[in-house]
Each structure stands twice: as structure tokens, then as C-alpha cells.
């Protein structure tokens, strides 16, 4: 018998999976962050742009799907976060607009701004988008300042269900060091993934050497941020929910979640090991270029585990620091049982969609990029 609670947990699992895939696909942004750092010549920079240009639409589509899944399965979160913390989401979307415009116009005839201006836009997107997304996800653990009028949920005449408790509308997240560290961790991770992907995707020995140097620097930054985030995560107070739905603060809540959910703990540790292995093997073995395919599943597993400890095991996944009892949980923010059940049936096609994407990805990446491609005029 499929229960309402099972459907809520099932849809959070899909949200976590989409979140993991999104962070992996942000290697496009990470690669663009290296245009000027690793690319020293015009050809090298164009190779980087060509490499990421083939995949940027997948990243943006996954971001939209991620938001759409939240809207369909947990609409109260969607209306509260996207409608309340709108400055953060607007900034994220602006950086993606920079990306789309840059790919479209940088090599157009009559480009008055010049290639490097649009490449600077790509670099801005490459750094800011992961940083902002990571900072926003960090609020799952630290909370945001909003209130929810739960009595208005069933009142069709009520214009507003949730309100933001300050005039910053999400920008206050950067005032919390944990959120910023979480954002920097995601940013450094995506740059590492971008370097790993291009080492695999581009056939240029000199550029590969420069990408490895950038990978070493960014991996050190990632490890530093990861340690800071984990230390705080396992020691901080978390937002627990009792059997009656009351929210209260619990010391070490997220550490307790890891211990009490051994499968999630194994997912996180396995993901971390795979990620580190992919990077270290690439750094130590000059001829090894398949680190991305070790780090990719590791990234997805680790991110999924973080989403799970934020919401499972009696935890408020979107806490309110303005009013604890306004915090959002899986049970008080989800869609109706009929909606979740119908969407669960539709979700069964996901494996076929993933297989379709994987097939065409393989077709696009059968041949590594070379400078000969640029000579033929194939430029993004």
C-alpha cells in the first residue's frame, strides 16, 4: 500500500536526485570559470568555450526541472522561497542570461563588445551561479526569515500565504558564514568538475597541464570549505520536528540524522571517496583523463545525502528563524496525495529520459575536441 508519507519521501528523493544531477552538470559553469585562468591563448580559450558550449543547455534545463519539481511536489516551498527570497533567484537567473547571451553572440559578425567581454560574462556566470545556488541551499540548514499563514492555505480568497520577514528578500543569507562557506564549497566543486571534464573532453596536452594546475588550486579550496562546512554541520543546532508537527531546536540534529540513517551516511562517504579519488588520480597520473566519470557519481551521491539529512528523520528542510512553527516540513508543504500519486506514475519515465540523454551525450563526446575543429570554423 502506497501511503501519503511514502509519496512525500519519494518525491523528496527525486528532488535530491535532481539536485545531485544539477550540481554535477554545473561543471559547465565551473569550466567557464577557467576560461582566463587555464586558457592562456585564444585557441585554448575557444576550446574551453566549445567544450562547455555543447552542454550548457543540459544544465539550464536541469535547473528549470529542479524548480518545476519543487513547484509540483512542494508548492508551499516554491511560493515561499521563490516568491519571498526573490533577489537570490533573480540574481541566479541573470547569471544564466549572461551565459545564454554570451554563447549566442560572442562569435557573431559585428560583435561590438568583443569576444573577451562575453567570455567575462561566462566567467561571472561560472563563479556566481554555483556560489549563489550553494548559498541558497545552505539556508536549508540555517533557516530563513519568513512567516506562513497556514490558515490561508485553504482560503482561495487569501492573496498571500507566506511573507518574508525583512526587506532583504533572501540577500540576508550572505550574512551567515555557514551559507557563504557552503556556496564557496559548491563553487570550488563545480570548478574541479569543469577541469576534470575538459581534461577528458579536450585533446590538447598543454591545456590539459594548465587545467591540472587549476584543478589542484580549486581542489584545495574545496577541501578547506568542505571541512569547515562539515565541522559546523555536525555540531550545529538543527530544526527537529516531533510527532505532532511541532518544530524545536535540537543540538547536533544533522549529525544524529547521519548516524540514525546509515544508508545516507554510506551514500555520503562513498560519494566523498569517489569524488576525491577522481581528482587525486587525475592529479597524480598525467595520462589519466577519466577522473570526471569517477567524480560524477560521487558528486551526485554526496549531494543527495545532504538533501536527505536536511529533510528526512523528522527534520524541517526549510526552517523559519522568524517563527519556528512556520518552518516547512515534508508533510506540511507538499501537494495533495492525488497530485503526488499521479506525478509518481509519470516519474516512471525518468529512466528512459536519462538513457536518451546518456546516449546522445556519448554521441557528442565520441571524439575529443582539438584545435583542428577551430580551424574548420566550429565555434560557439
Protein backbone atom coordinates (compact mmCIF):
# COMPACT_ATOMS: atom_id res chain seq x y z
CA UNK A 1 0.00 0.00 0.00
CA UNK A 2 1.46 3.34 -1.09
CA UNK A 3 0.88 5.83 1.72
CA UNK A 4 0.86 9.62 1.65
CA UNK A 5 4.04 9.66 3.76
CA UNK A 6 5.78 7.34 1.30
CA UNK A 7 4.88 9.66 -1.59
CA UNK A 8 6.27 12.65 0.30
CA UNK A 9 9.56 10.85 0.92
CA UNK A 10 9.63 9.53 -2.65
CA UNK A 11 9.30 12.99 -4.10
CA UNK A 12 11.98 14.40 -1.81
CA UNK A 13 14.22 11.58 -3.02
CA UNK A 14 13.60 12.73 -6.63
CA UNK A 15 14.29 16.34 -5.60
CA UNK A 16 17.57 15.16 -4.05
CA UNK A 17 18.44 13.26 -7.22
CA UNK A 18 17.74 16.30 -9.39
CA UNK A 19 19.82 18.41 -7.00
CA UNK A 20 22.72 15.98 -7.31
CA UNK A 21 22.48 15.94 -11.10
CA UNK A 22 22.28 19.75 -11.16
CA UNK A 23 25.45 20.15 -9.11
CA UNK A 24 27.27 17.69 -11.39
CA UNK A 25 26.06 19.49 -14.53
CA UNK A 26 27.28 22.77 -13.09
CA UNK A 27 30.67 21.60 -14.38
CA UNK A 28 29.68 23.82 -17.33
CA UNK A 29 29.81 26.84 -15.04
CA UNK A 30 33.00 25.51 -13.44
CA UNK A 31 34.62 25.13 -16.85
CA UNK A 32 33.68 28.68 -17.82
CA UNK A 33 35.28 29.96 -14.62
CA UNK A 34 38.59 28.66 -16.03
CA UNK A 35 38.44 30.47 -19.39
CA UNK A 36 41.07 33.01 -18.37
CA UNK A 37 42.71 31.06 -15.54
CA UNK A 38 43.59 27.97 -17.59
CA UNK A 39 43.24 29.34 -21.11
CA UNK A 40 46.35 31.36 -21.95
CA UNK A 41 45.92 31.68 -25.73
CA UNK A 42 42.98 32.45 -28.00
CA UNK A 43 42.77 28.83 -29.18
CA UNK A 44 42.82 27.46 -25.64
CA UNK A 45 40.05 29.79 -24.53
CA UNK A 46 37.97 28.89 -27.57
CA UNK A 47 38.47 25.19 -26.87
CA UNK A 48 37.14 25.71 -23.34
CA UNK A 49 34.11 27.61 -24.65
CA UNK A 50 33.47 24.93 -27.29
CA UNK A 51 33.69 22.19 -24.67
CA UNK A 52 31.21 23.78 -22.25
CA UNK A 53 29.05 25.17 -25.06
CA UNK A 54 27.92 21.70 -26.05
CA UNK A 55 26.41 21.03 -22.63
CA UNK A 56 25.18 24.33 -21.18
CA UNK A 57 21.57 23.74 -22.21
CA UNK A 58 21.51 20.49 -20.19
CA UNK A 59 22.49 22.41 -17.06
CA UNK A 60 19.86 25.09 -17.54
CA UNK A 61 17.17 22.52 -18.36
CA UNK A 62 18.03 20.60 -15.18
CA UNK A 63 17.81 23.82 -13.14
CA UNK A 64 14.35 24.53 -14.57
CA UNK A 65 13.29 20.91 -13.95
CA UNK A 66 14.57 21.18 -10.36
CA UNK A 67 12.42 24.26 -9.79
CA UNK A 68 9.46 22.67 -11.57
CA UNK A 69 9.68 19.54 -9.43
CA UNK A 70 9.61 21.70 -6.30
CA UNK A 71 6.58 23.58 -7.63
CA UNK A 72 4.67 20.38 -8.36
CA UNK A 73 5.58 18.37 -5.25
CA UNK A 74 6.22 21.01 -2.56
CA UNK A 75 4.33 24.12 -3.73
CA UNK A 76 4.48 25.89 -0.38
CA UNK A 77 8.29 25.86 -0.54
CA UNK A 78 8.15 27.14 -4.10
CA UNK A 79 5.86 30.04 -3.22
CA UNK A 80 7.74 30.86 -0.02
CA UNK A 81 11.31 30.71 -1.35
CA UNK A 82 10.89 31.77 -4.96
CA UNK A 83 8.28 34.38 -4.05
CA UNK A 84 9.96 35.61 -0.87
CA UNK A 85 13.71 35.26 -1.39
CA UNK A 86 13.31 36.53 -4.93
CA UNK A 87 16.50 38.60 -5.08
CA UNK A 88 18.66 35.49 -4.81
CA UNK A 89 16.74 33.67 -7.56
CA UNK A 90 16.69 36.76 -9.79
CA UNK A 91 20.48 37.06 -9.48
CA UNK A 92 20.87 33.36 -10.34
CA UNK A 93 18.67 33.75 -13.42
CA UNK A 94 20.55 36.90 -14.51
CA UNK A 95 23.84 34.99 -14.46
CA UNK A 96 22.26 32.31 -16.67
CA UNK A 97 21.01 35.04 -19.04
CA UNK A 98 24.62 36.24 -19.26
CA UNK A 99 25.59 32.71 -20.19
CA UNK A 100 22.97 32.24 -22.91
CA UNK A 101 23.65 35.64 -24.48
CA UNK A 102 27.41 35.05 -24.43
CA UNK A 103 27.24 31.70 -26.23
CA UNK A 104 24.88 33.19 -28.79
CA UNK A 105 26.69 36.43 -29.64
CA UNK A 106 30.42 36.16 -28.87
CA UNK A 107 31.31 34.93 -32.38
CA UNK A 108 28.64 36.84 -34.29
CA UNK A 109 29.71 39.22 -37.03
CA UNK A 110 29.55 42.82 -35.88
CA UNK A 111 30.11 41.98 -32.23
CA UNK A 112 30.85 45.46 -30.87
CA UNK A 113 31.74 44.33 -27.34
CA UNK A 114 34.40 41.83 -28.39
CA UNK A 115 34.83 38.14 -27.57
CA UNK A 116 36.53 38.72 -24.24
CA UNK A 117 33.60 40.78 -22.92
CA UNK A 118 31.23 37.87 -23.46
CA UNK A 119 33.81 35.46 -22.09
CA UNK A 120 33.97 37.64 -18.98
CA UNK A 121 30.18 37.21 -18.73
CA UNK A 122 30.68 33.44 -18.94
CA UNK A 123 33.30 33.64 -16.18
CA UNK A 124 30.92 35.67 -14.00
CA UNK A 125 28.24 33.03 -14.54
CA UNK A 126 30.78 30.30 -13.81
CA UNK A 127 31.63 31.75 -10.40
CA UNK A 128 28.43 33.44 -9.25
CA UNK A 129 25.80 30.87 -10.27
CA UNK A 130 27.25 27.97 -8.21
CA UNK A 131 28.09 30.36 -5.35
CA UNK A 132 24.52 31.70 -5.19
CA UNK A 133 22.89 28.28 -5.61
CA UNK A 134 25.10 26.85 -2.87
CA UNK A 135 24.35 29.80 -0.57
CA UNK A 136 20.61 29.30 -1.14
CA UNK A 137 20.87 25.57 -0.33
CA UNK A 138 22.83 26.44 2.80
CA UNK A 139 19.67 28.04 4.21
CA UNK A 140 18.14 24.53 4.38
CA UNK A 141 20.35 24.11 7.45
CA UNK A 142 20.47 27.64 8.88
CA UNK A 143 16.95 28.87 8.15
CA UNK A 144 15.37 31.93 6.54
CA UNK A 145 13.24 34.77 7.83
CA UNK A 146 9.67 34.15 6.70
CA UNK A 147 6.23 33.52 8.15
CA UNK A 148 3.45 31.30 6.83
CA UNK A 149 -0.25 31.83 7.46
CA UNK A 150 -1.30 28.19 7.34
CA UNK A 151 -4.92 29.17 7.81
CA UNK A 152 -4.81 30.84 4.39
CA UNK A 153 -3.75 27.66 2.58
CA UNK A 154 -7.34 26.50 2.17
CA UNK A 155 -8.75 30.03 1.72
CA UNK A 156 -8.92 30.80 -2.01
CA UNK A 157 -9.65 34.46 -1.23
CA UNK A 158 -6.36 34.90 0.66
CA UNK A 159 -3.88 36.70 -1.64
CA UNK A 160 -0.74 35.73 0.29
CA UNK A 161 0.10 32.58 2.25
CA UNK A 162 3.71 33.31 3.18
CA UNK A 163 5.54 36.59 3.79
CA UNK A 164 9.21 37.46 4.08
CA UNK A 165 10.02 38.95 7.47
CA UNK A 166 12.55 41.52 6.26
CA UNK A 167 13.20 43.78 3.27
CA UNK A 168 16.28 41.88 2.07
CA UNK A 169 14.23 39.07 0.49
CA UNK A 170 16.90 36.40 0.57
CA UNK A 171 20.03 38.54 0.39
CA UNK A 172 20.42 38.23 4.17
CA UNK A 173 21.65 34.66 3.55
CA UNK A 174 25.13 36.03 2.79
CA UNK A 175 25.34 37.41 6.33
CA UNK A 176 25.57 33.85 7.66
CA UNK A 177 29.14 32.48 7.35
CA UNK A 178 27.89 28.89 7.01
CA UNK A 179 25.79 29.78 3.94
CA UNK A 180 28.73 31.56 2.29
CA UNK A 181 31.09 28.67 3.05
CA UNK A 182 28.51 26.26 1.63
CA UNK A 183 28.29 28.40 -1.50
CA UNK A 184 32.08 28.56 -1.86
CA UNK A 185 32.25 24.78 -1.41
CA UNK A 186 29.81 24.31 -4.29
CA UNK A 187 31.67 26.85 -6.43
CA UNK A 188 35.07 25.18 -5.94
CA UNK A 189 33.48 21.76 -6.52
CA UNK A 190 31.99 22.81 -9.85
CA UNK A 191 35.31 24.29 -10.98
CA UNK A 192 37.00 20.98 -10.13
CA UNK A 193 34.34 19.12 -12.11
CA UNK A 194 34.78 21.55 -15.02
CA UNK A 195 38.54 20.94 -15.08
CA UNK A 196 38.04 17.17 -14.90
CA UNK A 197 35.52 17.25 -17.73
CA UNK A 198 37.72 19.31 -20.04
CA UNK A 199 40.78 17.18 -19.33
CA UNK A 200 38.68 14.29 -20.64
CA UNK A 201 36.95 16.19 -23.44
CA UNK A 202 39.78 18.28 -24.97
CA UNK A 203 42.77 16.76 -26.73
CA UNK A 204 45.44 19.37 -26.06
CA UNK A 205 48.45 18.46 -23.92
CA UNK A 206 49.42 22.00 -22.95
CA UNK A 207 45.88 22.99 -21.97
CA UNK A 208 45.49 19.74 -20.01
CA UNK A 209 48.59 20.63 -17.98
CA UNK A 210 47.19 24.09 -17.20
CA UNK A 211 43.83 22.57 -16.27
CA UNK A 212 45.57 20.23 -13.83
CA UNK A 213 47.26 23.20 -12.15
CA UNK A 214 43.90 24.94 -11.80
CA UNK A 215 42.36 21.70 -10.54
CA UNK A 216 44.96 21.45 -7.76
CA UNK A 217 44.29 25.02 -6.57
CA UNK A 218 40.50 24.68 -6.64
CA UNK A 219 40.56 21.24 -5.05
CA UNK A 220 42.50 22.70 -2.11
CA UNK A 221 39.84 25.43 -1.82
CA UNK A 222 37.07 22.82 -1.99
CA UNK A 223 38.63 20.66 0.74
CA UNK A 224 39.04 23.68 3.03
CA UNK A 225 35.39 24.70 2.59
CA UNK A 226 34.22 21.08 2.93
CA UNK A 227 35.99 20.68 6.28
CA UNK A 228 34.56 23.98 7.58
CA UNK A 229 31.04 23.05 6.46
CA UNK A 230 31.16 19.52 7.91
CA UNK A 231 32.51 20.68 11.28
CA UNK A 232 29.67 23.16 11.62
CA UNK A 233 27.07 20.77 10.22
CA UNK A 234 27.70 18.03 12.78
CA UNK A 235 27.90 20.43 15.74
CA UNK A 236 25.20 22.99 14.97
CA UNK A 237 21.65 23.04 16.29
CA UNK A 238 19.16 21.63 13.81
CA UNK A 239 15.44 22.10 13.26
CA UNK A 240 13.72 18.95 14.50
CA UNK A 241 10.04 18.04 14.19
CA UNK A 242 8.12 15.97 16.75
CA UNK A 243 5.24 13.55 16.11
CA UNK A 244 2.67 16.36 16.40
CA UNK A 245 4.47 18.51 13.84
CA UNK A 246 5.95 20.98 16.33
CA UNK A 247 9.38 22.33 15.40
CA UNK A 248 12.09 22.66 18.03
CA UNK A 249 15.86 23.13 18.13
CA UNK A 250 18.00 20.03 18.69
CA UNK A 251 21.74 20.12 19.30
CA UNK A 252 23.62 18.04 16.73
CA UNK A 253 20.43 17.24 14.79
CA UNK A 254 22.16 16.76 11.42
CA UNK A 255 24.83 14.56 12.99
CA UNK A 256 22.06 12.49 14.56
CA UNK A 257 20.41 12.20 11.14
CA UNK A 258 23.60 10.77 9.67
CA UNK A 259 24.01 8.25 12.48
CA UNK A 260 20.34 7.26 12.53
CA UNK A 261 20.19 6.85 8.75
CA UNK A 262 23.18 4.58 7.96
CA UNK A 263 22.25 4.28 4.28
CA UNK A 264 22.51 8.06 3.91
CA UNK A 265 25.82 8.05 5.78
CA UNK A 266 27.17 5.37 3.42
CA UNK A 267 25.95 7.38 0.42
CA UNK A 268 27.78 10.48 1.65
CA UNK A 269 31.03 8.67 2.48
CA UNK A 270 31.00 6.71 -0.78
CA UNK A 271 30.30 9.89 -2.73
CA UNK A 272 33.14 11.72 -0.99
CA UNK A 273 35.58 8.85 -1.64
CA UNK A 274 34.64 8.68 -5.33
CA UNK A 275 34.98 12.43 -5.75
CA UNK A 276 38.37 12.60 -4.07
CA UNK A 277 39.57 9.51 -5.98
CA UNK A 278 38.63 11.03 -9.33
CA UNK A 279 40.52 14.24 -8.57
CA UNK A 280 43.59 12.63 -6.99
CA UNK A 281 44.05 10.07 -9.79
CA UNK A 282 43.85 12.88 -12.36
CA UNK A 283 46.44 14.92 -10.48
CA UNK A 284 48.86 12.04 -9.90
CA UNK A 285 48.66 10.31 -13.29
CA UNK A 286 49.43 12.55 -16.24
CA UNK A 287 47.95 10.11 -18.75
CA UNK A 288 44.74 9.55 -16.75
CA UNK A 289 41.85 11.62 -18.10
CA UNK A 290 38.69 9.80 -16.95
CA UNK A 291 38.50 11.30 -13.47
CA UNK A 292 35.23 13.03 -14.30
CA UNK A 293 33.44 9.68 -14.60
CA UNK A 294 34.58 8.70 -11.11
CA UNK A 295 33.85 12.09 -9.55
CA UNK A 296 30.44 12.48 -11.23
CA UNK A 297 28.58 9.67 -9.41
CA UNK A 298 30.40 10.68 -6.23
CA UNK A 299 29.07 14.22 -6.56
CA UNK A 300 25.51 13.03 -7.14
CA UNK A 301 25.60 10.65 -4.14
CA UNK A 302 27.11 13.22 -1.74
CA UNK A 303 24.65 15.96 -2.74
CA UNK A 304 21.71 13.56 -2.44
CA UNK A 305 22.86 12.64 1.07
CA UNK A 306 22.97 16.32 2.09
CA UNK A 307 19.42 16.85 0.83
CA UNK A 308 18.27 13.78 2.75
CA UNK A 309 19.75 14.82 6.10
CA UNK A 310 18.11 18.22 5.60
CA UNK A 311 14.58 16.75 5.36
CA UNK A 312 14.33 13.13 6.50
CA UNK A 313 14.17 11.72 10.03
CA UNK A 314 11.85 14.37 11.43
CA UNK A 315 13.64 17.46 10.13
CA UNK A 316 12.32 20.80 8.85
CA UNK A 317 14.01 21.23 5.47
CA UNK A 318 13.21 24.94 5.12
CA UNK A 319 13.33 26.37 8.64
CA UNK A 320 11.94 29.75 9.62
CA UNK A 321 14.04 31.76 12.03
CA UNK A 322 11.25 34.34 12.30
CA UNK A 323 8.77 31.77 13.69
CA UNK A 324 9.90 28.18 14.26
CA UNK A 325 6.37 26.83 13.81
CA UNK A 326 6.24 28.34 10.31
CA UNK A 327 9.13 26.08 9.22
CA UNK A 328 8.41 23.87 6.23
CA UNK A 329 8.49 20.09 6.51
CA UNK A 330 7.76 17.35 4.02
CA UNK A 331 4.30 16.86 5.46
CA UNK A 332 3.13 20.47 5.78
CA UNK A 333 4.39 21.81 2.45
CA UNK A 334 3.63 19.03 -0.04
CA UNK A 335 0.96 18.70 -2.72
CA UNK A 336 -2.18 16.63 -2.29
CA UNK A 337 -1.98 12.85 -2.21
CA UNK A 338 -3.70 12.64 -5.61
CA UNK A 339 -1.14 15.02 -7.17
CA UNK A 340 1.85 13.19 -5.72
CA UNK A 341 0.45 9.81 -6.76
CA UNK A 342 -0.25 10.98 -10.33
CA UNK A 343 3.20 12.51 -10.67
CA UNK A 344 4.77 9.36 -9.23
CA UNK A 345 3.29 7.40 -12.13
CA UNK A 346 4.63 9.96 -14.62
CA UNK A 347 8.06 9.82 -12.94
CA UNK A 348 8.44 6.20 -14.09
CA UNK A 349 9.55 7.52 -17.50
CA UNK A 350 12.59 9.22 -15.92
CA UNK A 351 14.97 6.26 -16.53
CA UNK A 352 14.11 6.32 -20.24
CA UNK A 353 14.76 10.08 -20.43
CA UNK A 354 18.10 9.63 -18.65
CA UNK A 355 19.04 6.81 -21.06
CA UNK A 356 18.15 9.05 -24.02
CA UNK A 357 20.33 11.89 -22.68
CA UNK A 358 23.20 9.47 -21.93
CA UNK A 359 23.07 8.09 -25.48
CA UNK A 360 23.29 11.48 -27.17
CA UNK A 361 25.90 12.66 -24.66
CA UNK A 362 28.04 9.72 -25.71
CA UNK A 363 27.48 10.53 -29.36
CA UNK A 364 28.58 14.15 -28.86
CA UNK A 365 31.66 13.17 -26.86
CA UNK A 366 32.86 10.29 -29.03
CA UNK A 367 35.61 12.47 -30.41
CA UNK A 368 37.75 14.78 -28.26
CA UNK A 369 37.94 18.47 -29.17
CA UNK A 370 41.07 19.61 -30.98
CA UNK A 371 42.43 22.81 -32.47
CA UNK A 372 41.68 21.35 -35.92
CA UNK A 373 38.00 21.80 -35.10
CA UNK A 374 38.58 25.51 -34.58
CA UNK A 375 40.30 25.77 -37.96
CA UNK A 376 37.12 24.44 -39.56
CA UNK A 377 35.18 27.33 -38.06
CA UNK A 378 33.26 25.28 -35.49
CA UNK A 379 32.99 27.82 -32.72
CA UNK A 380 30.44 28.61 -30.02
